[in-house]
Amino acid sequence: MSETYRWQSSEGQALLNNIIRKRVPQWTDGLKDGQSKVVTRILDGEKVLWIAATGEGKSAAFQVPVLVHEELRRDPELCPGFVAKEKPIGIVVTPTKGLATNIVRYMLIFLFFIN
């Protein structure tokens, strides 16, 4: 049986960076430090509460884990030490309908550009 890695490990961070470079090439600098820390914790199954200012990339924190699981599901040999969810989903709770509309609009744009 192969070893299972943690996303917060150096191997996990390297794989995350490779997936971001492949799937979101317009993010030339990759994830911001805060985003990377949050995303790897989420991918490791930890509960996360992240409070950040507007523009800090909170949306990426719930979009990228789904994207990563989709990529690993499409190509399980990408890194056998990491397990992908069969049907990854993200649930987002927002305080206003306007914010929810904005999140959906930007997610659709994001999906258009990465596919």
PDB file of N, CA and C in Angstrom:
ATOM      1  N   MET A   1       0.853  -1.184   0.000  1.00  0.00           N
ATOM      2  CA  MET A   1       0.000   0.000   0.000  1.00  0.00           C
ATOM      3  C   MET A   1       0.889   1.235   0.000  1.00  0.00           C
ATOM      4  N   SER A   2       0.540   2.224  -0.821  1.00  0.00           N
ATOM      5  CA  SER A   2       1.377   3.415  -0.916  1.00  0.00           C
ATOM      6  C   SER A   2       1.143   4.340   0.273  1.00  0.00           C
ATOM      7  N   GLU A   3       2.163   5.122   0.568  1.00  0.00           N
ATOM      8  CA  GLU A   3       2.100   6.077   1.664  1.00  0.00           C
ATOM      9  C   GLU A   3       1.176   7.235   1.286  1.00  0.00           C
ATOM     10  N   THR A   4       0.427   7.728   2.259  1.00  0.00           N
ATOM     11  CA  THR A   4      -0.427   8.889   2.031  1.00  0.00           C
ATOM     12  C   THR A   4       0.262  10.114   2.607  1.00  0.00           C
ATOM     13  N   TYR A   5       0.327  11.165   1.802  1.00  0.00           N
ATOM     14  CA  TYR A   5       1.003  12.394   2.209  1.00  0.00           C
ATOM     15  C   TYR A   5       0.015  13.424   2.720  1.00  0.00           C
ATOM     16  N   ARG A   6       0.544  14.379   3.451  1.00  0.00           N
ATOM     17  CA  ARG A   6      -0.249  15.522   3.888  1.00  0.00           C
ATOM     18  C   ARG A   6       0.019  16.682   2.943  1.00  0.00           C
ATOM     19  N   TRP A   7      -0.998  17.467   2.683  1.00  0.00           N
ATOM     20  CA  TRP A   7      -0.859  18.615   1.789  1.00  0.00           C
ATOM     21  C   TRP A   7       0.039  19.688   2.385  1.00  0.00           C
ATOM     22  N   GLN A   8       0.137  19.741   3.709  1.00  0.00           N
ATOM     23  CA  GLN A   8       0.986  20.738   4.347  1.00  0.00           C
ATOM     24  C   GLN A   8       2.466  20.357   4.300  1.00  0.00           C
ATOM     25  N   SER A   9       2.767  19.151   3.848  1.00  0.00           N
ATOM     26  CA  SER A   9       4.163  18.727   3.707  1.00  0.00           C
ATOM     27  C   SER A   9       4.785  19.414   2.496  1.00  0.00           C
ATOM     28  N   SER A  10       6.095  19.323   2.378  1.00  0.00           N
ATOM     29  CA  SER A  10       6.760  19.933   1.217  1.00  0.00           C
ATOM     30  C   SER A  10       6.287  19.273  -0.080  1.00  0.00           C
ATOM     31  N   GLU A  11       6.028  17.954  -0.053  1.00  0.00           N
ATOM     32  CA  GLU A  11       5.519  17.264  -1.239  1.00  0.00           C
ATOM     33  C   GLU A  11       4.134  17.778  -1.610  1.00  0.00           C
ATOM     34  N   GLY A  12       3.289  17.969  -0.602  1.00  0.00           N
ATOM     35  CA  GLY A  12       1.938  18.462  -0.841  1.00  0.00           C
ATOM     36  C   GLY A  12       1.930  19.872  -1.393  1.00  0.00           C
ATOM     37  N   GLN A  13       2.762  20.731  -0.829  1.00  0.00           N
ATOM     38  CA  GLN A  13       2.832  22.109  -1.318  1.00  0.00           C
ATOM     39  C   GLN A  13       3.361  22.154  -2.744  1.00  0.00           C
ATOM     40  N   ALA A  14       4.341  21.301  -3.047  1.00  0.00           N
ATOM     41  CA  ALA A  14       4.885  21.257  -4.414  1.00  0.00           C
ATOM     42  C   ALA A  14       3.820  20.779  -5.399  1.00  0.00           C
ATOM     43  N   LEU A  15       3.053  19.753  -5.023  1.00  0.00           N
ATOM     44  CA  LEU A  15       1.991  19.253  -5.892  1.00  0.00           C
ATOM     45  C   LEU A  15       0.913  20.316  -6.088  1.00  0.00           C
ATOM     46  N   LEU A  16       0.538  20.995  -5.011  1.00  0.00           N
ATOM     47  CA  LEU A  16      -0.448  22.072  -5.114  1.00  0.00           C
ATOM     48  C   LEU A  16       0.039  23.149  -6.080  1.00  0.00           C
ATOM     49  N   ASN A  17       1.279  23.563  -5.946  1.00  0.00           N
ATOM     50  CA  ASN A  17       1.837  24.581  -6.847  1.00  0.00           C
ATOM     51  C   ASN A  17       1.829  24.108  -8.298  1.00  0.00           C
ATOM     52  N   ASN A  18       2.165  22.840  -8.526  1.00  0.00           N
ATOM     53  CA  ASN A  18       2.156  22.296  -9.892  1.00  0.00           C
ATOM     54  C   ASN A  18       0.747  22.281 -10.484  1.00  0.00           C
ATOM     55  N   ILE A  19      -0.229  21.898  -9.671  1.00  0.00           N
ATOM     56  CA  ILE A  19      -1.614  21.867 -10.150  1.00  0.00           C
ATOM     57  C   ILE A  19      -2.088  23.278 -10.479  1.00  0.00           C
ATOM     58  N   ILE A  20      -1.761  24.238  -9.631  1.00  0.00           N
ATOM     59  CA  ILE A  20      -2.161  25.632  -9.888  1.00  0.00           C
ATOM     60  C   ILE A  20      -1.509  26.131 -11.172  1.00  0.00           C
ATOM     61  N   ARG A  21      -0.220  25.856 -11.354  1.00  0.00           N
ATOM     62  CA  ARG A  21       0.462  26.288 -12.586  1.00  0.00           C
ATOM     63  C   ARG A  21      -0.189  25.676 -13.825  1.00  0.00           C
ATOM     64  N   LYS A  22      -0.588  24.415 -13.709  1.00  0.00           N
ATOM     65  CA  LYS A  22      -1.190  23.716 -14.847  1.00  0.00           C
ATOM     66  C   LYS A  22      -2.613  24.200 -15.121  1.00  0.00           C
ATOM     67  N   ARG A  23      -3.438  24.280 -14.087  1.00  0.00           N
ATOM     68  CA  ARG A  23      -4.865  24.567 -14.269  1.00  0.00           C
ATOM     69  C   ARG A  23      -5.209  26.048 -14.294  1.00  0.00           C
ATOM     70  N   VAL A  24      -4.371  26.885 -13.676  1.00  0.00           N
ATOM     71  CA  VAL A  24      -4.665  28.321 -13.617  1.00  0.00           C
ATOM     72  C   VAL A  24      -3.408  29.098 -14.020  1.00  0.00           C
ATOM     73  N   PRO A  25      -2.980  28.975 -15.275  1.00  0.00           N
ATOM     74  CA  PRO A  25      -1.726  29.605 -15.697  1.00  0.00           C
ATOM     75  C   PRO A  25      -1.738  31.130 -15.598  1.00  0.00           C
ATOM     76  N   GLN A  26      -2.928  31.739 -15.584  1.00  0.00           N
ATOM     77  CA  GLN A  26      -2.974  33.193 -15.465  1.00  0.00           C
ATOM     78  C   GLN A  26      -2.581  33.667 -14.065  1.00  0.00           C
ATOM     79  N   TRP A  27      -2.545  32.766 -13.094  1.00  0.00           N
ATOM     80  CA  TRP A  27      -2.043  33.112 -11.760  1.00  0.00           C
ATOM     81  C   TRP A  27      -0.532  32.894 -11.777  1.00  0.00           C
ATOM     82  N   THR A  28       0.179  33.773 -12.425  1.00  0.00           N
ATOM     83  CA  THR A  28       1.616  33.584 -12.659  1.00  0.00           C
ATOM     84  C   THR A  28       2.420  33.474 -11.368  1.00  0.00           C
ATOM     85  N   ASP A  29       1.952  34.087 -10.295  1.00  0.00           N
ATOM     86  CA  ASP A  29       2.658  33.999  -9.014  1.00  0.00           C
ATOM     87  C   ASP A  29       2.106  32.890  -8.124  1.00  0.00           C
ATOM     88  N   GLY A  30       1.159  32.122  -8.629  1.00  0.00           N
ATOM     89  CA  GLY A  30       0.560  31.054  -7.832  1.00  0.00           C
ATOM     90  C   GLY A  30      -0.319  31.612  -6.729  1.00  0.00           C
ATOM     91  N   LEU A  31      -0.519  30.816  -5.702  1.00  0.00           N
ATOM     92  CA  LEU A  31      -1.321  31.248  -4.564  1.00  0.00           C
ATOM     93  C   LEU A  31      -0.522  32.187  -3.674  1.00  0.00           C
ATOM     94  N   LYS A  32      -1.221  33.089  -3.008  1.00  0.00           N
ATOM     95  CA  LYS A  32      -0.586  33.934  -1.995  1.00  0.00           C
ATOM     96  C   LYS A  32      -0.268  33.050  -0.791  1.00  0.00           C
ATOM     97  N   ASP A  33       0.661  33.497   0.055  1.00  0.00           N
ATOM     98  CA  ASP A  33       1.047  32.691   1.224  1.00  0.00           C
ATOM     99  C   ASP A  33      -0.153  32.311   2.085  1.00  0.00           C
ATOM    100  N   GLY A  34      -1.003  33.289   2.388  1.00  0.00           N
ATOM    101  CA  GLY A  34      -2.177  33.014   3.218  1.00  0.00           C
ATOM    102  C   GLY A  34      -3.110  32.012   2.572  1.00  0.00           C
ATOM    103  N   GLN A  35      -3.308  32.149   1.272  1.00  0.00           N
ATOM    104  CA  GLN A  35      -4.164  31.210   0.541  1.00  0.00           C
ATOM    105  C   GLN A  35      -3.586  29.805   0.608  1.00  0.00           C
ATOM    106  N   SER A  36      -2.296  29.694   0.363  1.00  0.00           N
ATOM    107  CA  SER A  36      -1.642  28.388   0.356  1.00  0.00           C
ATOM    108  C   SER A  36      -1.773  27.699   1.711  1.00  0.00           C
ATOM    109  N   LYS A  37      -1.574  28.452   2.784  1.00  0.00           N
ATOM    110  CA  LYS A  37      -1.694  27.872   4.131  1.00  0.00           C
ATOM    111  C   LYS A  37      -3.110  27.376   4.391  1.00  0.00           C
ATOM    112  N   VAL A  38      -4.095  28.168   3.992  1.00  0.00           N
ATOM    113  CA  VAL A  38      -5.490  27.782   4.210  1.00  0.00           C
ATOM    114  C   VAL A  38      -5.868  26.593   3.329  1.00  0.00           C
ATOM    115  N   VAL A  39      -5.508  26.646   2.055  1.00  0.00           N
ATOM    116  CA  VAL A  39      -5.875  25.584   1.116  1.00  0.00           C
ATOM    117  C   VAL A  39      -5.264  24.247   1.533  1.00  0.00           C
ATOM    118  N   THR A  40      -4.004  24.226   1.935  1.00  0.00           N
ATOM    119  CA  THR A  40      -3.387  22.955   2.340  1.00  0.00           C
ATOM    120  C   THR A  40      -4.042  22.400   3.594  1.00  0.00           C
ATOM    121  N   ARG A  41      -4.457  23.261   4.499  1.00  0.00           N
ATOM    122  CA  ARG A  41      -5.153  22.790   5.706  1.00  0.00           C
ATOM    123  C   ARG A  41      -6.515  22.194   5.335  1.00  0.00           C
ATOM    124  N   ILE A  42      -7.227  22.866   4.430  1.00  0.00           N
ATOM    125  CA  ILE A  42      -8.523  22.349   3.976  1.00  0.00           C
ATOM    126  C   ILE A  42      -8.332  20.994   3.294  1.00  0.00           C
ATOM    127  N   LEU A  43      -7.330  20.896   2.428  1.00  0.00           N
ATOM    128  CA  LEU A  43      -7.068  19.635   1.727  1.00  0.00           C
ATOM    129  C   LEU A  43      -6.673  18.516   2.691  1.00  0.00           C
ATOM    130  N   ASP A  44      -6.067  18.879   3.820  1.00  0.00           N
ATOM    131  CA  ASP A  44      -5.719  17.887   4.842  1.00  0.00           C
ATOM    132  C   ASP A  44      -6.906  17.532   5.733  1.00  0.00           C
ATOM    133  N   GLY A  45      -8.064  18.139   5.468  1.00  0.00           N
ATOM    134  CA  GLY A  45      -9.269  17.807   6.219  1.00  0.00           C
ATOM    135  C   GLY A  45      -9.437  18.573   7.514  1.00  0.00           C
ATOM    136  N   GLU A  46      -8.644  19.612   7.717  1.00  0.00           N
ATOM    137  CA  GLU A  46      -8.761  20.409   8.933  1.00  0.00           C
ATOM    138  C   GLU A  46      -9.904  21.413   8.794  1.00  0.00           C
ATOM    139  N   LYS A  47     -10.511  21.745   9.907  1.00  0.00           N
ATOM    140  CA  LYS A  47     -11.529  22.793   9.920  1.00  0.00           C
ATOM    141  C   LYS A  47     -10.802  24.130   9.964  1.00  0.00           C
ATOM    142  N   VAL A  48     -11.245  25.054   9.124  1.00  0.00           N
ATOM    143  CA  VAL A  48     -10.553  26.335   8.994  1.00  0.00           C
ATOM    144  C   VAL A  48     -11.553  27.481   9.100  1.00  0.00           C
ATOM    145  N   LEU A  49     -11.204  28.478   9.892  1.00  0.00           N
ATOM    146  CA  LEU A  49     -11.915  29.748   9.915  1.00  0.00           C
ATOM    147  C   LEU A  49     -10.878  30.795   9.547  1.00  0.00           C
ATOM    148  N   TRP A  50     -11.050  31.395   8.389  1.00  0.00           N
ATOM    149  CA  TRP A  50     -10.069  32.371   7.893  1.00  0.00           C
ATOM    150  C   TRP A  50     -10.747  33.717   7.751  1.00  0.00           C
ATOM    151  N   ILE A  51     -10.273  34.680   8.499  1.00  0.00           N
ATOM    152  CA  ILE A  51     -10.778  36.046   8.414  1.00  0.00           C
ATOM    153  C   ILE A  51      -9.714  36.855   7.697  1.00  0.00           C
ATOM    154  N   ALA A  52     -10.083  37.442   6.575  1.00  0.00           N
ATOM    155  CA  ALA A  52      -9.118  38.194   5.771  1.00  0.00           C
ATOM    156  C   ALA A  52      -9.826  39.371   5.113  1.00  0.00           C
ATOM    157  N   ALA A  53      -9.039  40.365   4.767  1.00  0.00           N
ATOM    158  CA  ALA A  53      -9.569  41.575   4.142  1.00  0.00           C
ATOM    159  C   ALA A  53     -10.032  41.295   2.712  1.00  0.00           C
ATOM    160  N   THR A  54     -10.832  42.206   2.198  1.00  0.00           N
ATOM    161  CA  THR A  54     -11.252  42.145   0.803  1.00  0.00           C
ATOM    162  C   THR A  54     -10.017  42.114  -0.094  1.00  0.00           C
ATOM    163  N   GLY A  55     -10.023  41.210  -1.061  1.00  0.00           N
ATOM    164  CA  GLY A  55      -8.908  41.118  -1.994  1.00  0.00           C
ATOM    165  C   GLY A  55      -7.787  40.195  -1.561  1.00  0.00           C
ATOM    166  N   GLU A  56      -7.927  39.550  -0.403  1.00  0.00           N
ATOM    167  CA  GLU A  56      -6.885  38.641   0.080  1.00  0.00           C
ATOM    168  C   GLU A  56      -6.986  37.249  -0.528  1.00  0.00           C
ATOM    169  N   GLY A  57      -8.058  36.980  -1.262  1.00  0.00           N
ATOM    170  CA  GLY A  57      -8.168  35.699  -1.951  1.00  0.00           C
ATOM    171  C   GLY A  57      -8.967  34.644  -1.232  1.00  0.00           C
ATOM    172  N   LYS A  58      -9.954  35.071  -0.465  1.00  0.00           N
ATOM    173  CA  LYS A  58     -10.774  34.097   0.258  1.00  0.00           C
ATOM    174  C   LYS A  58     -11.515  33.161  -0.694  1.00  0.00           C
ATOM    175  N   SER A  59     -11.953  33.678  -1.830  1.00  0.00           N
ATOM    176  CA  SER A  59     -12.682  32.824  -2.784  1.00  0.00           C
ATOM    177  C   SER A  59     -11.823  31.660  -3.258  1.00  0.00           C
ATOM    178  N   ALA A  60     -10.541  31.894  -3.443  1.00  0.00           N
ATOM    179  CA  ALA A  60      -9.637  30.810  -3.854  1.00  0.00           C
ATOM    180  C   ALA A  60      -9.578  29.727  -2.792  1.00  0.00           C
ATOM    181  N   ALA A  61      -9.766  30.107  -1.537  1.00  0.00           N
ATOM    182  CA  ALA A  61      -9.682  29.136  -0.447  1.00  0.00           C
ATOM    183  C   ALA A  61     -10.765  28.070  -0.545  1.00  0.00           C
ATOM    184  N   PHE A  62     -11.905  28.383  -1.144  1.00  0.00           N
ATOM    185  CA  PHE A  62     -12.920  27.341  -1.304  1.00  0.00           C
ATOM    186  C   PHE A  62     -12.998  26.821  -2.733  1.00  0.00           C
ATOM    187  N   GLN A  63     -12.432  27.528  -3.693  1.00  0.00           N
ATOM    188  CA  GLN A  63     -12.450  27.055  -5.078  1.00  0.00           C
ATOM    189  C   GLN A  63     -11.297  26.100  -5.374  1.00  0.00           C
ATOM    190  N   VAL A  64     -10.119  26.423  -4.880  1.00  0.00           N
ATOM    191  CA  VAL A  64      -8.921  25.640  -5.212  1.00  0.00           C
ATOM    192  C   VAL A  64      -8.992  24.200  -4.696  1.00  0.00           C
ATOM    193  N   PRO A  65      -9.457  23.930  -3.468  1.00  0.00           N
ATOM    194  CA  PRO A  65      -9.529  22.521  -3.057  1.00  0.00           C
ATOM    195  C   PRO A  65     -10.385  21.660  -3.987  1.00  0.00           C
ATOM    196  N   VAL A  66     -11.493  22.200  -4.477  1.00  0.00           N
ATOM    197  CA  VAL A  66     -12.326  21.455  -5.425  1.00  0.00           C
ATOM    198  C   VAL A  66     -11.551  21.228  -6.719  1.00  0.00           C
ATOM    199  N   LEU A  67     -10.883  22.258  -7.190  1.00  0.00           N
ATOM    200  CA  LEU A  67     -10.069  22.162  -8.405  1.00  0.00           C
ATOM    201  C   LEU A  67      -8.976  21.099  -8.254  1.00  0.00           C
ATOM    202  N   VAL A  68      -8.320  21.071  -7.107  1.00  0.00           N
ATOM    203  CA  VAL A  68      -7.247  20.097  -6.853  1.00  0.00           C
ATOM    204  C   VAL A  68      -7.806  18.675  -6.874  1.00  0.00           C
ATOM    205  N   HIS A  69      -8.922  18.455  -6.197  1.00  0.00           N
ATOM    206  CA  HIS A  69      -9.515  17.112  -6.194  1.00  0.00           C
ATOM    207  C   HIS A  69      -9.958  16.697  -7.596  1.00  0.00           C
ATOM    208  N   GLU A  70     -10.486  17.640  -8.360  1.00  0.00           N
ATOM    209  CA  GLU A  70     -10.860  17.342  -9.749  1.00  0.00           C
ATOM    210  C   GLU A  70      -9.632  16.925 -10.557  1.00  0.00           C
ATOM    211  N   GLU A  71      -8.541  17.633 -10.386  1.00  0.00           N
ATOM    212  CA  GLU A  71      -7.312  17.319 -11.130  1.00  0.00           C
ATOM    213  C   GLU A  71      -6.775  15.947 -10.737  1.00  0.00           C
ATOM    214  N   LEU A  72      -6.749  15.644  -9.454  1.00  0.00           N
ATOM    215  CA  LEU A  72      -6.266  14.332  -9.005  1.00  0.00           C
ATOM    216  C   LEU A  72      -7.210  13.212  -9.435  1.00  0.00           C
ATOM    217  N   ARG A  73      -8.500  13.510  -9.475  1.00  0.00           N
ATOM    218  CA  ARG A  73      -9.463  12.499  -9.931  1.00  0.00           C
ATOM    219  C   ARG A  73      -9.259  12.210 -11.415  1.00  0.00           C
ATOM    220  N   ARG A  74      -8.991  13.248 -12.196  1.00  0.00           N
ATOM    221  CA  ARG A  74      -8.750  13.070 -13.637  1.00  0.00           C
ATOM    222  C   ARG A  74      -7.458  12.310 -13.902  1.00  0.00           C
ATOM    223  N   ASP A  75      -6.459  12.542 -13.062  1.00  0.00           N
ATOM    224  CA  ASP A  75      -5.139  11.947 -13.278  1.00  0.00           C
ATOM    225  C   ASP A  75      -4.601  11.394 -11.959  1.00  0.00           C
ATOM    226  N   PRO A  76      -5.114  10.216 -11.511  1.00  0.00           N
ATOM    227  CA  PRO A  76      -4.710   9.667 -10.219  1.00  0.00           C
ATOM    228  C   PRO A  76      -3.220   9.338 -10.130  1.00  0.00           C
ATOM    229  N   GLU A  77      -2.578   9.151 -11.264  1.00  0.00           N
ATOM    230  CA  GLU A  77      -1.148   8.841 -11.262  1.00  0.00           C
ATOM    231  C   GLU A  77      -0.289  10.091 -11.095  1.00  0.00           C
ATOM    232  N   LEU A  78      -0.938  11.254 -11.073  1.00  0.00           N
ATOM    233  CA  LEU A  78      -0.215  12.509 -10.887  1.00  0.00           C
ATOM    234  C   LEU A  78       0.651  12.438  -9.637  1.00  0.00           C
ATOM    235  N   CYS A  79       0.087  11.907  -8.585  1.00  0.00           N
ATOM    236  CA  CYS A  79       0.846  11.687  -7.354  1.00  0.00           C
ATOM    237  C   CYS A  79       0.098  10.655  -6.525  1.00  0.00           C
ATOM    238  N   PRO A  80       0.541   9.398  -6.578  1.00  0.00           N
ATOM    239  CA  PRO A  80      -0.186   8.315  -5.924  1.00  0.00           C
ATOM    240  C   PRO A  80      -0.311   8.455  -4.410  1.00  0.00           C
ATOM    241  N   GLY A  81       0.508   9.272  -3.777  1.00  0.00           N
ATOM    242  CA  GLY A  81       0.440   9.422  -2.326  1.00  0.00           C
ATOM    243  C   GLY A  81      -0.679  10.323  -1.847  1.00  0.00           C
ATOM    244  N   PHE A  82      -1.419  10.915  -2.780  1.00  0.00           N
ATOM    245  CA  PHE A  82      -2.510  11.813  -2.418  1.00  0.00           C
ATOM    246  C   PHE A  82      -3.827  11.228  -2.904  1.00  0.00           C
ATOM    247  N   VAL A  83      -4.841  11.319  -2.080  1.00  0.00           N
ATOM    248  CA  VAL A  83      -6.136  10.733  -2.388  1.00  0.00           C
ATOM    249  C   VAL A  83      -7.107  11.841  -2.798  1.00  0.00           C
ATOM    250  N   ALA A  84      -7.826  11.615  -3.894  1.00  0.00           N
ATOM    251  CA  ALA A  84      -8.809  12.588  -4.371  1.00  0.00           C
ATOM    252  C   ALA A  84     -10.210  12.164  -3.961  1.00  0.00           C
ATOM    253  N   LYS A  85     -11.053  13.137  -3.707  1.00  0.00           N
ATOM    254  CA  LYS A  85     -12.471  12.871  -3.472  1.00  0.00           C
ATOM    255  C   LYS A  85     -13.093  12.483  -4.810  1.00  0.00           C
ATOM    256  N   GLU A  86     -14.001  11.517  -4.789  1.00  0.00           N
ATOM    257  CA  GLU A  86     -14.616  11.073  -6.041  1.00  0.00           C
ATOM    258  C   GLU A  86     -15.461  12.174  -6.682  1.00  0.00           C
ATOM    259  N   LYS A  87     -16.243  12.856  -5.879  1.00  0.00           N
ATOM    260  CA  LYS A  87     -17.093  13.947  -6.381  1.00  0.00           C
ATOM    261  C   LYS A  87     -16.901  15.160  -5.473  1.00  0.00           C
ATOM    262  N   PRO A  88     -15.842  15.917  -5.702  1.00  0.00           N
ATOM    263  CA  PRO A  88     -15.581  17.052  -4.813  1.00  0.00           C
ATOM    264  C   PRO A  88     -16.628  18.150  -4.963  1.00  0.00           C
ATOM    265  N   ILE A  89     -17.035  18.693  -3.834  1.00  0.00           N
ATOM    266  CA  ILE A  89     -17.962  19.819  -3.836  1.00  0.00           C
ATOM    267  C   ILE A  89     -17.488  20.839  -2.804  1.00  0.00           C
ATOM    268  N   GLY A  90     -17.917  22.053  -2.999  1.00  0.00           N
ATOM    269  CA  GLY A  90     -17.652  23.098  -2.021  1.00  0.00           C
ATOM    270  C   GLY A  90     -18.973  23.734  -1.637  1.00  0.00           C
ATOM    271  N   ILE A  91     -19.156  23.982  -0.365  1.00  0.00           N
ATOM    272  CA  ILE A  91     -20.371  24.627   0.118  1.00  0.00           C
ATOM    273  C   ILE A  91     -19.973  25.985   0.668  1.00  0.00           C
ATOM    274  N   VAL A  92     -20.636  27.011   0.168  1.00  0.00           N
ATOM    275  CA  VAL A  92     -20.328  28.374   0.579  1.00  0.00           C
ATOM    276  C   VAL A  92     -21.592  28.998   1.154  1.00  0.00           C
ATOM    277  N   VAL A  93     -21.484  29.529   2.356  1.00  0.00           N
ATOM    278  CA  VAL A  93     -22.595  30.225   2.989  1.00  0.00           C
ATOM    279  C   VAL A  93     -22.249  31.706   2.990  1.00  0.00           C
ATOM    280  N   THR A  94     -23.141  32.519   2.450  1.00  0.00           N
ATOM    281  CA  THR A  94     -22.882  33.958   2.380  1.00  0.00           C
ATOM    282  C   THR A  94     -23.975  34.721   3.125  1.00  0.00           C
ATOM    283  N   PRO A  95     -23.632  35.898   3.636  1.00  0.00           N
ATOM    284  CA  PRO A  95     -24.620  36.669   4.395  1.00  0.00           C
ATOM    285  C   PRO A  95     -25.628  37.418   3.517  1.00  0.00           C
ATOM    286  N   THR A  96     -25.326  37.574   2.230  1.00  0.00           N
ATOM    287  CA  THR A  96     -26.245  38.321   1.367  1.00  0.00           C
ATOM    288  C   THR A  96     -26.392  37.644   0.011  1.00  0.00           C
ATOM    289  N   LYS A  97     -27.536  37.875  -0.612  1.00  0.00           N
ATOM    290  CA  LYS A  97     -27.782  37.345  -1.946  1.00  0.00           C
ATOM    291  C   LYS A  97     -26.833  37.995  -2.959  1.00  0.00           C
ATOM    292  N   GLY A  98     -26.529  39.279  -2.768  1.00  0.00           N
ATOM    293  CA  GLY A  98     -25.609  39.983  -3.668  1.00  0.00           C
ATOM    294  C   GLY A  98     -24.226  39.366  -3.661  1.00  0.00           C
ATOM    295  N   LEU A  99     -23.722  39.036  -2.477  1.00  0.00           N
ATOM    296  CA  LEU A  99     -22.408  38.398  -2.384  1.00  0.00           C
ATOM    297  C   LEU A  99     -22.443  37.020  -3.033  1.00  0.00           C
ATOM    298  N   ALA A 100     -23.514  36.280  -2.806  1.00  0.00           N
ATOM    299  CA  ALA A 100     -23.644  34.955  -3.426  1.00  0.00           C
ATOM    300  C   ALA A 100     -23.642  35.072  -4.949  1.00  0.00           C
ATOM    301  N   THR A 101     -24.349  36.064  -5.465  1.00  0.00           N
ATOM    302  CA  THR A 101     -24.385  36.286  -6.914  1.00  0.00           C
ATOM    303  C   THR A 101     -22.996  36.601  -7.451  1.00  0.00           C
ATOM    304  N   ASN A 102     -22.263  37.448  -6.740  1.00  0.00           N
ATOM    305  CA  ASN A 102     -20.892  37.782  -7.156  1.00  0.00           C
ATOM    306  C   ASN A 102     -19.993  36.553  -7.149  1.00  0.00           C
ATOM    307  N   ILE A 103     -20.105  35.727  -6.119  1.00  0.00           N
ATOM    308  CA  ILE A 103     -19.273  34.526  -6.028  1.00  0.00           C
ATOM    309  C   ILE A 103     -19.569  33.595  -7.200  1.00  0.00           C
ATOM    310  N   VAL A 104     -20.842  33.384  -7.494  1.00  0.00           N
ATOM    311  CA  VAL A 104     -21.212  32.512  -8.614  1.00  0.00           C
ATOM    312  C   VAL A 104     -20.698  33.091  -9.925  1.00  0.00           C
ATOM    313  N   ARG A 105     -20.878  34.389 -10.132  1.00  0.00           N
ATOM    314  CA  ARG A 105     -20.427  35.025 -11.374  1.00  0.00           C
ATOM    315  C   ARG A 105     -18.920  34.849 -11.548  1.00  0.00           C
ATOM    316  N   TYR A 106     -18.151  35.139 -10.512  1.00  0.00           N
ATOM    317  CA  TYR A 106     -16.697  35.019 -10.632  1.00  0.00           C
ATOM    318  C   TYR A 106     -16.245  33.566 -10.737  1.00  0.00           C
ATOM    319  N   MET A 107     -16.981  32.652 -10.097  1.00  0.00           N
ATOM    320  CA  MET A 107     -16.620  31.244 -10.226  1.00  0.00           C
ATOM    321  C   MET A 107     -16.851  30.764 -11.655  1.00  0.00           C
ATOM    322  N   LEU A 108     -17.930  31.205 -12.284  1.00  0.00           N
ATOM    323  CA  LEU A 108     -18.181  30.821 -13.675  1.00  0.00           C
ATOM    324  C   LEU A 108     -17.096  31.368 -14.599  1.00  0.00           C
ATOM    325  N   ILE A 109     -16.667  32.597 -14.362  1.00  0.00           N
ATOM    326  CA  ILE A 109     -15.561  33.171 -15.141  1.00  0.00           C
ATOM    327  C   ILE A 109     -14.294  32.364 -14.908  1.00  0.00           C
ATOM    328  N   PHE A 110     -14.017  32.042 -13.656  1.00  0.00           N
ATOM    329  CA  PHE A 110     -12.843  31.254 -13.285  1.00  0.00           C
ATOM    330  C   PHE A 110     -12.873  29.901 -14.000  1.00  0.00           C
ATOM    331  N   LEU A 111     -14.012  29.225 -13.960  1.00  0.00           N
ATOM    332  CA  LEU A 111     -14.129  27.916 -14.609  1.00  0.00           C
ATOM    333  C   LEU A 111     -13.969  28.019 -16.117  1.00  0.00           C
ATOM    334  N   PHE A 112     -14.481  29.092 -16.708  1.00  0.00           N
ATOM    335  CA  PHE A 112     -14.335  29.294 -18.148  1.00  0.00           C
ATOM    336  C   PHE A 112     -12.859  29.398 -18.528  1.00  0.00           C
ATOM    337  N   PHE A 113     -12.092  30.148 -17.744  1.00  0.00           N
ATOM    338  CA  PHE A 113     -10.689  30.364 -18.075  1.00  0.00           C
ATOM    339  C   PHE A 113      -9.807  29.150 -17.810  1.00  0.00           C
ATOM    340  N   ILE A 114     -10.173  28.300 -16.845  1.00  0.00           N
ATOM    341  CA  ILE A 114      -9.303  27.159 -16.554  1.00  0.00           C
ATOM    342  C   ILE A 114      -9.651  25.929 -17.379  1.00  0.00           C
ATOM    343  N   ASN A 115     -10.790  25.934 -18.040  1.00  0.00           N
ATOM    344  CA  ASN A 115     -11.171  24.760 -18.845  1.00  0.00           C
ATOM    345  C   ASN A 115     -10.959  24.978 -20.290  1.00  0.00           C
TER     346      ASN A 115
END
